[in-house]
Amino acid sequence: MARSIVLRAFLLLPIAFVAAFLLAPLGLTIAVSFWQRVGLSVRPAFVFISYLTFFDSVRFAVLTRSLLVSIEATVLSLFISYPIAYFLAFKTRPDATRLALLLFTTPFLVNYVIRAFAWTYLLGRTGPVNALLTSAGIVNRPLDWLLYSDFSVLVGLISSYMPFMIFPMWLSLAGIDRALIQASWLLGASPSRTFFSVTLPLSLPGVFAAAVFGFVSCFGESAIPVIMGGVGYQLMGNTITSAMDVLNYPLAAAMSTIVVLAMAVLLLGWYLVFDMRSFLGKVLNWRT
């Protein structure tokens, strides 16, 4: 009896933590989104002024742009990170895999804002990238579009979140039963056919998890668009920050609610489509 109570208490701890530090602030944000702004203050109400303001202004175009940029960054990150995860899961020794995964976490010891500022130096007109291109004769003059453009924002988003996307895909790939792949080979399937008919479908839970993480992170980003896109470059993250700077908390809450709803749709899709057991697989069993 006592043991059952203790176990229930331990189960309630994470639930209480999520309720206090995630659900309660989220509920407050949704409530504030319906409040009314009066001068420089707000008062409790139940109006849709903030949502109407958002959808009837240029901010809706920012939402569309944020969706497009986030999708582009996520897709490109998947194309970069999947081969890395595949190589670590199937082509390297366990000790080398552990070392590589550790190395992928080391950039995050440095604040991502500092890393974004480092990119502005690398991609600037007088930076190493332009200097290399001009010295090699590839271009006649420095390229202006390398910085403060859609390209530079994509570089910043991909470099910031792509390493994180490697881990769920590696978990999914590492959990695939090697016997299924060997059976496909014994039946005469080529390596490419085996990949598209066995490996890729079984790794889709990890791919989708990585896509959700990448999209959610890019969609809510606020610092990189300003640092690498320039002062006038707007995505949803820094648009919300701009609304808070002028003390328009209901509008900022409304935009945050819309972002959260978009993220929730993705998470719900992952929950409904994929079984968590298929994502985890046998990740605790290292290859020998």
C-alpha atoms as a PDB file:
ATOM      1  CA  MET A   1       0.000   0.000   0.000  1.00  0.00           C
ATOM      2  CA  ALA A   2       2.733   2.422   0.984  1.00  0.00           C
ATOM      3  CA  ARG A   3       4.715   1.506  -2.113  1.00  0.00           C
ATOM      4  CA  SER A   4       1.706   2.217  -4.322  1.00  0.00           C
ATOM      5  CA  ILE A   5       1.287   5.646  -2.751  1.00  0.00           C
ATOM      6  CA  VAL A   6       4.962   6.444  -3.274  1.00  0.00           C
ATOM      7  CA  LEU A   7       4.805   5.379  -6.919  1.00  0.00           C
ATOM      8  CA  ARG A   8       1.723   7.513  -7.515  1.00  0.00           C
ATOM      9  CA  ALA A   9       3.452  10.449  -5.853  1.00  0.00           C
ATOM     10  CA  PHE A  10       6.426  10.090  -8.193  1.00  0.00           C
ATOM     11  CA  LEU A  11       4.064   9.953 -11.163  1.00  0.00           C
ATOM     12  CA  LEU A  12       2.261  13.069  -9.983  1.00  0.00           C
ATOM     13  CA  LEU A  13       5.480  15.079  -9.670  1.00  0.00           C
ATOM     14  CA  PRO A  14       6.111  15.464 -13.445  1.00  0.00           C
ATOM     15  CA  ILE A  15       2.393  16.083 -14.009  1.00  0.00           C
ATOM     16  CA  ALA A  16       2.416  18.840 -11.381  1.00  0.00           C
ATOM     17  CA  PHE A  17       5.584  20.312 -12.903  1.00  0.00           C
ATOM     18  CA  VAL A  18       4.054  20.430 -16.394  1.00  0.00           C
ATOM     19  CA  ALA A  19       0.837  21.910 -15.034  1.00  0.00           C
ATOM     20  CA  ALA A  20       2.610  24.625 -13.035  1.00  0.00           C
ATOM     21  CA  PHE A  21       5.307  25.643 -15.501  1.00  0.00           C
ATOM     22  CA  LEU A  22       3.713  24.895 -18.897  1.00  0.00           C
ATOM     23  CA  LEU A  23      -0.064  24.621 -18.816  1.00  0.00           C
ATOM     24  CA  ALA A  24      -0.674  27.487 -16.383  1.00  0.00           C
ATOM     25  CA  PRO A  25       1.442  30.049 -18.327  1.00  0.00           C
ATOM     26  CA  LEU A  26      -0.070  28.813 -21.578  1.00  0.00           C
ATOM     27  CA  GLY A  27      -3.579  29.212 -20.180  1.00  0.00           C
ATOM     28  CA  LEU A  28      -2.727  32.717 -18.970  1.00  0.00           C
ATOM     29  CA  THR A  29      -1.378  33.613 -22.431  1.00  0.00           C
ATOM     30  CA  ILE A  30      -4.596  32.450 -24.079  1.00  0.00           C
ATOM     31  CA  ALA A  31      -6.659  34.409 -21.559  1.00  0.00           C
ATOM     32  CA  VAL A  32      -4.638  37.604 -22.074  1.00  0.00           C
ATOM     33  CA  SER A  33      -5.102  37.299 -25.853  1.00  0.00           C
ATOM     34  CA  PHE A  34      -8.812  38.116 -25.309  1.00  0.00           C
ATOM     35  CA  TRP A  35      -8.154  41.080 -23.035  1.00  0.00           C
ATOM     36  CA  GLN A  36      -8.559  44.666 -24.196  1.00  0.00           C
ATOM     37  CA  ARG A  37      -5.835  47.255 -24.409  1.00  0.00           C
ATOM     38  CA  VAL A  38      -6.678  50.601 -22.850  1.00  0.00           C
ATOM     39  CA  GLY A  39      -3.952  53.168 -23.364  1.00  0.00           C
ATOM     40  CA  LEU A  40      -0.731  51.726 -22.002  1.00  0.00           C
ATOM     41  CA  SER A  41      -2.513  49.158 -19.865  1.00  0.00           C
ATOM     42  CA  VAL A  42      -4.807  46.199 -20.389  1.00  0.00           C
ATOM     43  CA  ARG A  43      -8.022  45.145 -18.722  1.00  0.00           C
ATOM     44  CA  PRO A  44      -9.664  41.727 -18.524  1.00  0.00           C
ATOM     45  CA  ALA A  45     -12.312  41.206 -21.187  1.00  0.00           C
ATOM     46  CA  PHE A  46     -13.451  38.677 -23.761  1.00  0.00           C
ATOM     47  CA  VAL A  47     -12.996  40.368 -27.120  1.00  0.00           C
ATOM     48  CA  PHE A  48     -11.430  39.304 -30.401  1.00  0.00           C
ATOM     49  CA  ILE A  49      -9.827  42.664 -31.171  1.00  0.00           C
ATOM     50  CA  SER A  50      -6.260  41.308 -31.012  1.00  0.00           C
ATOM     51  CA  TYR A  51      -7.037  38.429 -33.384  1.00  0.00           C
ATOM     52  CA  LEU A  52      -8.851  40.728 -35.823  1.00  0.00           C
ATOM     53  CA  THR A  53      -5.933  43.160 -35.666  1.00  0.00           C
ATOM     54  CA  PHE A  54      -3.531  40.374 -36.467  1.00  0.00           C
ATOM     55  CA  PHE A  55      -5.429  38.915 -39.425  1.00  0.00           C
ATOM     56  CA  ASP A  56      -6.288  42.347 -40.896  1.00  0.00           C
ATOM     57  CA  SER A  57      -2.739  43.714 -40.777  1.00  0.00           C
ATOM     58  CA  VAL A  58       0.625  43.044 -42.378  1.00  0.00           C
ATOM     59  CA  ARG A  59       1.363  40.691 -39.495  1.00  0.00           C
ATOM     60  CA  PHE A  60      -0.637  37.974 -41.262  1.00  0.00           C
ATOM     61  CA  ALA A  61       1.836  38.214 -44.149  1.00  0.00           C
ATOM     62  CA  VAL A  62       4.589  37.756 -41.566  1.00  0.00           C
ATOM     63  CA  LEU A  63       2.840  34.561 -40.436  1.00  0.00           C
ATOM     64  CA  THR A  64       2.814  33.277 -44.022  1.00  0.00           C
ATOM     65  CA  ARG A  65       6.455  34.200 -44.455  1.00  0.00           C
ATOM     66  CA  SER A  66       7.367  32.523 -41.159  1.00  0.00           C
ATOM     67  CA  LEU A  67       5.622  29.329 -42.245  1.00  0.00           C
ATOM     68  CA  LEU A  68       7.473  29.316 -45.554  1.00  0.00           C
ATOM     69  CA  VAL A  69      10.892  30.039 -44.046  1.00  0.00           C
ATOM     70  CA  SER A  70      10.354  27.472 -41.276  1.00  0.00           C
ATOM     71  CA  ILE A  71       9.323  24.790 -43.771  1.00  0.00           C
ATOM     72  CA  GLU A  72      12.334  25.539 -45.987  1.00  0.00           C
ATOM     73  CA  ALA A  73      14.738  25.439 -43.032  1.00  0.00           C
ATOM     74  CA  THR A  74      13.179  22.218 -41.735  1.00  0.00           C
ATOM     75  CA  VAL A  75      13.305  20.431 -45.096  1.00  0.00           C
ATOM     76  CA  LEU A  76      16.906  21.466 -45.743  1.00  0.00           C
ATOM     77  CA  SER A  77      17.881  20.422 -42.219  1.00  0.00           C
ATOM     78  CA  LEU A  78      16.296  17.010 -42.782  1.00  0.00           C
ATOM     79  CA  PHE A  79      18.253  16.504 -46.002  1.00  0.00           C
ATOM     80  CA  ILE A  80      21.471  17.373 -44.168  1.00  0.00           C
ATOM     81  CA  SER A  81      20.879  15.559 -40.886  1.00  0.00           C
ATOM     82  CA  TYR A  82      19.328  12.300 -42.158  1.00  0.00           C
ATOM     83  CA  PRO A  83      22.497  11.072 -43.951  1.00  0.00           C
ATOM     84  CA  ILE A  84      24.513  11.932 -40.843  1.00  0.00           C
ATOM     85  CA  ALA A  85      22.107   9.996 -38.606  1.00  0.00           C
ATOM     86  CA  TYR A  86      22.088   7.080 -41.050  1.00  0.00           C
ATOM     87  CA  PHE A  87      25.880   6.963 -41.139  1.00  0.00           C
ATOM     88  CA  LEU A  88      26.109   7.029 -37.345  1.00  0.00           C
ATOM     89  CA  ALA A  89      23.468   4.306 -36.976  1.00  0.00           C
ATOM     90  CA  PHE A  90      24.767   1.853 -39.584  1.00  0.00           C
ATOM     91  CA  LYS A  91      28.325   2.671 -40.626  1.00  0.00           C
ATOM     92  CA  THR A  92      30.260   3.543 -37.476  1.00  0.00           C
ATOM     93  CA  ARG A  93      31.404   1.734 -34.360  1.00  0.00           C
ATOM     94  CA  PRO A  94      29.452   2.390 -31.124  1.00  0.00           C
ATOM     95  CA  ASP A  95      32.362   4.275 -29.525  1.00  0.00           C
ATOM     96  CA  ALA A  96      32.753   6.478 -32.625  1.00  0.00           C
ATOM     97  CA  THR A  97      29.001   7.109 -32.643  1.00  0.00           C
ATOM     98  CA  ARG A  98      29.050   8.212 -29.021  1.00  0.00           C
ATOM     99  CA  LEU A  99      31.956  10.552 -29.741  1.00  0.00           C
ATOM    100  CA  ALA A 100      30.258  12.026 -32.820  1.00  0.00           C
ATOM    101  CA  LEU A 101      26.999  12.624 -30.937  1.00  0.00           C
ATOM    102  CA  LEU A 102      28.965  14.291 -28.159  1.00  0.00           C
ATOM    103  CA  LEU A 103      30.694  16.550 -30.678  1.00  0.00           C
ATOM    104  CA  PHE A 104      27.316  17.574 -32.121  1.00  0.00           C
ATOM    105  CA  THR A 105      26.353  18.896 -28.688  1.00  0.00           C
ATOM    106  CA  THR A 106      29.498  20.991 -28.152  1.00  0.00           C
ATOM    107  CA  PRO A 107      28.371  24.000 -30.255  1.00  0.00           C
ATOM    108  CA  PHE A 108      25.528  24.475 -27.800  1.00  0.00           C
ATOM    109  CA  LEU A 109      27.994  25.261 -25.044  1.00  0.00           C
ATOM    110  CA  VAL A 110      28.163  28.670 -26.744  1.00  0.00           C
ATOM    111  CA  ASN A 111      25.063  30.864 -26.742  1.00  0.00           C
ATOM    112  CA  TYR A 112      23.304  30.667 -30.115  1.00  0.00           C
ATOM    113  CA  VAL A 113      23.133  34.461 -30.320  1.00  0.00           C
ATOM    114  CA  ILE A 114      26.939  34.590 -30.224  1.00  0.00           C
ATOM    115  CA  ARG A 115      27.063  31.920 -32.910  1.00  0.00           C
ATOM    116  CA  ALA A 116      24.665  33.960 -35.043  1.00  0.00           C
ATOM    117  CA  PHE A 117      26.912  37.026 -34.698  1.00  0.00           C
ATOM    118  CA  ALA A 118      29.857  34.831 -35.764  1.00  0.00           C
ATOM    119  CA  TRP A 119      27.949  34.037 -38.975  1.00  0.00           C
ATOM    120  CA  THR A 120      27.554  37.764 -39.694  1.00  0.00           C
ATOM    121  CA  TYR A 121      31.341  38.045 -39.717  1.00  0.00           C
ATOM    122  CA  LEU A 122      31.808  34.949 -41.885  1.00  0.00           C
ATOM    123  CA  LEU A 123      29.187  36.013 -44.460  1.00  0.00           C
ATOM    124  CA  GLY A 124      29.898  39.762 -44.481  1.00  0.00           C
ATOM    125  CA  ARG A 125      31.342  41.661 -47.450  1.00  0.00           C
ATOM    126  CA  THR A 126      34.803  41.611 -45.870  1.00  0.00           C
ATOM    127  CA  GLY A 127      34.374  38.189 -44.284  1.00  0.00           C
ATOM    128  CA  PRO A 128      36.272  34.963 -45.019  1.00  0.00           C
ATOM    129  CA  VAL A 129      33.592  33.519 -47.339  1.00  0.00           C
ATOM    130  CA  ASN A 130      33.578  36.517 -49.689  1.00  0.00           C
ATOM    131  CA  ALA A 131      37.364  36.774 -49.472  1.00  0.00           C
ATOM    132  CA  LEU A 132      37.699  33.117 -50.496  1.00  0.00           C
ATOM    133  CA  LEU A 133      35.259  33.492 -53.399  1.00  0.00           C
ATOM    134  CA  THR A 134      36.955  36.596 -54.769  1.00  0.00           C
ATOM    135  CA  SER A 135      40.495  35.257 -54.330  1.00  0.00           C
ATOM    136  CA  ALA A 136      39.518  32.030 -56.120  1.00  0.00           C
ATOM    137  CA  GLY A 137      38.093  34.026 -59.023  1.00  0.00           C
ATOM    138  CA  ILE A 138      34.610  32.602 -58.589  1.00  0.00           C
ATOM    139  CA  VAL A 139      33.116  36.096 -58.248  1.00  0.00           C
ATOM    140  CA  ASN A 140      34.424  39.503 -59.259  1.00  0.00           C
ATOM    141  CA  ARG A 141      33.162  41.375 -56.235  1.00  0.00           C
ATOM    142  CA  PRO A 142      31.802  40.481 -52.771  1.00  0.00           C
ATOM    143  CA  LEU A 143      28.301  39.023 -52.726  1.00  0.00           C
ATOM    144  CA  ASP A 144      25.831  41.185 -50.834  1.00  0.00           C
ATOM    145  CA  TRP A 145      23.120  38.539 -50.590  1.00  0.00           C
ATOM    146  CA  LEU A 146      25.197  36.302 -48.343  1.00  0.00           C
ATOM    147  CA  LEU A 147      24.152  38.442 -45.374  1.00  0.00           C
ATOM    148  CA  TYR A 148      20.925  40.217 -44.374  1.00  0.00           C
ATOM    149  CA  SER A 149      18.815  38.097 -46.687  1.00  0.00           C
ATOM    150  CA  ASP A 150      16.606  35.006 -46.738  1.00  0.00           C
ATOM    151  CA  PHE A 151      19.742  32.983 -47.438  1.00  0.00           C
ATOM    152  CA  SER A 152      21.540  34.153 -44.304  1.00  0.00           C
ATOM    153  CA  VAL A 153      18.436  33.601 -42.149  1.00  0.00           C
ATOM    154  CA  LEU A 154      18.196  30.030 -43.458  1.00  0.00           C
ATOM    155  CA  VAL A 155      21.889  29.501 -42.686  1.00  0.00           C
ATOM    156  CA  GLY A 156      21.350  30.756 -39.151  1.00  0.00           C
ATOM    157  CA  LEU A 157      18.259  28.610 -38.555  1.00  0.00           C
ATOM    158  CA  ILE A 158      19.793  25.458 -40.028  1.00  0.00           C
ATOM    159  CA  SER A 159      23.072  25.802 -38.130  1.00  0.00           C
ATOM    160  CA  SER A 160      21.188  26.458 -34.890  1.00  0.00           C
ATOM    161  CA  TYR A 161      18.684  23.582 -34.965  1.00  0.00           C
ATOM    162  CA  MET A 162      19.893  20.989 -37.470  1.00  0.00           C
ATOM    163  CA  PRO A 163      22.265  19.281 -34.973  1.00  0.00           C
ATOM    164  CA  PHE A 164      19.327  18.706 -32.627  1.00  0.00           C
ATOM    165  CA  MET A 165      17.415  16.976 -35.415  1.00  0.00           C
ATOM    166  CA  ILE A 166      20.115  14.335 -35.781  1.00  0.00           C
ATOM    167  CA  PHE A 167      19.308  12.757 -32.426  1.00  0.00           C
ATOM    168  CA  PRO A 168      15.669  11.638 -32.935  1.00  0.00           C
ATOM    169  CA  MET A 169      16.492  10.283 -36.386  1.00  0.00           C
ATOM    170  CA  TRP A 170      19.500   8.435 -35.035  1.00  0.00           C
ATOM    171  CA  LEU A 171      17.315   6.977 -32.266  1.00  0.00           C
ATOM    172  CA  SER A 172      14.794   5.757 -34.810  1.00  0.00           C
ATOM    173  CA  LEU A 173      17.418   4.340 -37.178  1.00  0.00           C
ATOM    174  CA  ALA A 174      19.373   2.675 -34.381  1.00  0.00           C
ATOM    175  CA  GLY A 175      16.202   0.922 -33.234  1.00  0.00           C
ATOM    176  CA  ILE A 176      15.602  -0.804 -36.583  1.00  0.00           C
ATOM    177  CA  ASP A 177      16.046  -4.564 -36.421  1.00  0.00           C
ATOM    178  CA  ARG A 178      19.017  -5.436 -38.616  1.00  0.00           C
ATOM    179  CA  ALA A 179      17.400  -8.791 -39.398  1.00  0.00           C
ATOM    180  CA  LEU A 180      14.751  -7.021 -41.479  1.00  0.00           C
ATOM    181  CA  ILE A 181      17.415  -5.368 -43.611  1.00  0.00           C
ATOM    182  CA  GLN A 182      19.353  -8.614 -44.020  1.00  0.00           C
ATOM    183  CA  ALA A 183      16.157 -10.447 -44.985  1.00  0.00           C
ATOM    184  CA  SER A 184      15.516  -7.870 -47.684  1.00  0.00           C
ATOM    185  CA  TRP A 185      19.014  -8.406 -49.042  1.00  0.00           C
ATOM    186  CA  LEU A 186      18.579 -12.195 -48.999  1.00  0.00           C
ATOM    187  CA  LEU A 187      15.391 -11.800 -51.028  1.00  0.00           C
ATOM    188  CA  GLY A 188      17.429 -10.081 -53.724  1.00  0.00           C
ATOM    189  CA  ALA A 189      16.550  -6.446 -53.055  1.00  0.00           C
ATOM    190  CA  SER A 190      19.191  -3.894 -53.958  1.00  0.00           C
ATOM    191  CA  PRO A 191      20.565  -1.551 -51.250  1.00  0.00           C
ATOM    192  CA  SER A 192      18.547   1.361 -52.626  1.00  0.00           C
ATOM    193  CA  ARG A 193      15.338  -0.672 -52.743  1.00  0.00           C
ATOM    194  CA  THR A 194      15.987  -1.915 -49.214  1.00  0.00           C
ATOM    195  CA  PHE A 195      16.461   1.639 -48.036  1.00  0.00           C
ATOM    196  CA  PHE A 196      13.229   2.956 -49.560  1.00  0.00           C
ATOM    197  CA  SER A 197      11.108  -0.081 -48.682  1.00  0.00           C
ATOM    198  CA  VAL A 198      12.478  -0.968 -45.227  1.00  0.00           C
ATOM    199  CA  THR A 199      14.847   1.538 -43.648  1.00  0.00           C
ATOM    200  CA  LEU A 200      13.132   4.805 -44.562  1.00  0.00           C
ATOM    201  CA  PRO A 201       9.579   3.725 -43.604  1.00  0.00           C
ATOM    202  CA  LEU A 202      10.757   2.364 -40.260  1.00  0.00           C
ATOM    203  CA  SER A 203      12.680   5.561 -39.527  1.00  0.00           C
ATOM    204  CA  LEU A 204       9.753   7.883 -40.323  1.00  0.00           C
ATOM    205  CA  PRO A 205       8.761   8.343 -36.646  1.00  0.00           C
ATOM    206  CA  GLY A 206      12.195   9.810 -35.965  1.00  0.00           C
ATOM    207  CA  VAL A 207      12.077  11.871 -39.138  1.00  0.00           C
ATOM    208  CA  PHE A 208       8.713  13.314 -38.185  1.00  0.00           C
ATOM    209  CA  ALA A 209       9.902  13.994 -34.623  1.00  0.00           C
ATOM    210  CA  ALA A 210      12.935  15.837 -36.002  1.00  0.00           C
ATOM    211  CA  ALA A 211      10.714  17.775 -38.411  1.00  0.00           C
ATOM    212  CA  VAL A 212       8.393  18.814 -35.597  1.00  0.00           C
ATOM    213  CA  PHE A 213      11.306  19.949 -33.461  1.00  0.00           C
ATOM    214  CA  GLY A 214      12.953  21.837 -36.303  1.00  0.00           C
ATOM    215  CA  PHE A 215       9.755  23.516 -37.470  1.00  0.00           C
ATOM    216  CA  VAL A 216       8.661  24.521 -33.971  1.00  0.00           C
ATOM    217  CA  SER A 217      12.093  25.973 -33.168  1.00  0.00           C
ATOM    218  CA  CYS A 218      12.361  27.900 -36.436  1.00  0.00           C
ATOM    219  CA  PHE A 219       8.771  29.118 -36.263  1.00  0.00           C
ATOM    220  CA  GLY A 220       9.280  30.666 -32.840  1.00  0.00           C
ATOM    221  CA  GLU A 221      12.764  32.084 -33.456  1.00  0.00           C
ATOM    222  CA  SER A 222      13.212  35.775 -32.680  1.00  0.00           C
ATOM    223  CA  ALA A 223      16.945  36.566 -32.474  1.00  0.00           C
ATOM    224  CA  ILE A 224      18.310  35.072 -35.704  1.00  0.00           C
ATOM    225  CA  PRO A 225      15.944  37.015 -38.053  1.00  0.00           C
ATOM    226  CA  VAL A 226      17.148  40.293 -36.531  1.00  0.00           C
ATOM    227  CA  ILE A 227      20.845  39.398 -36.370  1.00  0.00           C
ATOM    228  CA  MET A 228      21.172  37.742 -39.777  1.00  0.00           C
ATOM    229  CA  GLY A 229      18.196  39.187 -41.635  1.00  0.00           C
ATOM    230  CA  GLY A 230      18.621  42.793 -40.605  1.00  0.00           C
ATOM    231  CA  VAL A 231      16.475  45.183 -38.601  1.00  0.00           C
ATOM    232  CA  GLY A 232      13.572  45.137 -41.080  1.00  0.00           C
ATOM    233  CA  TYR A 233      13.436  41.345 -41.395  1.00  0.00           C
ATOM    234  CA  GLN A 234      10.333  40.050 -39.630  1.00  0.00           C
ATOM    235  CA  LEU A 235       9.317  36.557 -38.589  1.00  0.00           C
ATOM    236  CA  MET A 236       6.710  35.635 -36.003  1.00  0.00           C
ATOM    237  CA  GLY A 237       9.182  35.504 -33.126  1.00  0.00           C
ATOM    238  CA  ASN A 238      10.475  39.060 -33.444  1.00  0.00           C
ATOM    239  CA  THR A 239       6.990  40.310 -34.444  1.00  0.00           C
ATOM    240  CA  ILE A 240       5.720  39.077 -31.080  1.00  0.00           C
ATOM    241  CA  THR A 241       8.696  40.742 -29.394  1.00  0.00           C
ATOM    242  CA  SER A 242       7.895  44.014 -31.197  1.00  0.00           C
ATOM    243  CA  ALA A 243       4.307  43.896 -29.914  1.00  0.00           C
ATOM    244  CA  MET A 244       5.566  43.412 -26.375  1.00  0.00           C
ATOM    245  CA  ASP A 245       8.010  46.318 -26.768  1.00  0.00           C
ATOM    246  CA  VAL A 246       5.060  48.698 -27.286  1.00  0.00           C
ATOM    247  CA  LEU A 247       3.181  47.081 -24.352  1.00  0.00           C
ATOM    248  CA  ASN A 248       0.522  45.535 -26.595  1.00  0.00           C
ATOM    249  CA  TYR A 249       0.340  42.366 -24.526  1.00  0.00           C
ATOM    250  CA  PRO A 250      -3.049  41.142 -25.846  1.00  0.00           C
ATOM    251  CA  LEU A 251      -1.767  41.260 -29.441  1.00  0.00           C
ATOM    252  CA  ALA A 252       1.476  39.523 -28.454  1.00  0.00           C
ATOM    253  CA  ALA A 253      -0.543  36.879 -26.591  1.00  0.00           C
ATOM    254  CA  ALA A 254      -2.854  36.389 -29.580  1.00  0.00           C
ATOM    255  CA  MET A 255       0.079  35.869 -31.937  1.00  0.00           C
ATOM    256  CA  SER A 256       1.713  33.512 -29.431  1.00  0.00           C
ATOM    257  CA  THR A 257      -1.531  31.538 -29.198  1.00  0.00           C
ATOM    258  CA  ILE A 258      -1.662  31.155 -32.981  1.00  0.00           C
ATOM    259  CA  VAL A 259       1.943  29.921 -33.001  1.00  0.00           C
ATOM    260  CA  VAL A 260       1.195  27.458 -30.201  1.00  0.00           C
ATOM    261  CA  LEU A 261      -1.862  26.152 -32.059  1.00  0.00           C
ATOM    262  CA  ALA A 262       0.244  25.525 -35.173  1.00  0.00           C
ATOM    263  CA  MET A 263       2.763  23.641 -33.070  1.00  0.00           C
ATOM    264  CA  ALA A 264       0.015  21.687 -31.305  1.00  0.00           C
ATOM    265  CA  VAL A 265      -1.388  20.529 -34.648  1.00  0.00           C
ATOM    266  CA  LEU A 266       2.012  19.095 -35.571  1.00  0.00           C
ATOM    267  CA  LEU A 267       2.410  17.360 -32.215  1.00  0.00           C
ATOM    268  CA  LEU A 268      -1.105  15.947 -32.432  1.00  0.00           C
ATOM    269  CA  GLY A 269      -0.356  14.634 -35.914  1.00  0.00           C
ATOM    270  CA  TRP A 270       2.759  12.900 -34.620  1.00  0.00           C
ATOM    271  CA  TYR A 271       0.812  11.395 -31.721  1.00  0.00           C
ATOM    272  CA  LEU A 272      -1.966  10.085 -33.955  1.00  0.00           C
ATOM    273  CA  VAL A 273       0.220   8.771 -36.775  1.00  0.00           C
ATOM    274  CA  PHE A 274       3.158   7.214 -34.951  1.00  0.00           C
ATOM    275  CA  ASP A 275       3.430   4.801 -32.068  1.00  0.00           C
ATOM    276  CA  MET A 276       5.973   5.985 -29.488  1.00  0.00           C
ATOM    277  CA  ARG A 277       7.329   2.442 -29.276  1.00  0.00           C
ATOM    278  CA  SER A 278       8.159   2.528 -32.975  1.00  0.00           C
ATOM    279  CA  PHE A 279      10.121   5.728 -32.368  1.00  0.00           C
ATOM    280  CA  LEU A 280      12.100   4.421 -29.401  1.00  0.00           C
ATOM    281  CA  GLY A 281      12.613   0.954 -30.829  1.00  0.00           C
ATOM    282  CA  LYS A 282      15.663  -0.712 -29.256  1.00  0.00           C
ATOM    283  CA  VAL A 283      17.645   2.454 -28.710  1.00  0.00           C
ATOM    284  CA  LEU A 284      19.054   1.199 -25.430  1.00  0.00           C
ATOM    285  CA  ASN A 285      20.734  -1.726 -27.153  1.00  0.00           C
ATOM    286  CA  TRP A 286      24.081  -0.600 -28.547  1.00  0.00           C
ATOM    287  CA  ARG A 287      25.344  -2.445 -31.591  1.00  0.00           C
ATOM    288  CA  THR A 288      28.172  -4.811 -30.977  1.00  0.00           C
END
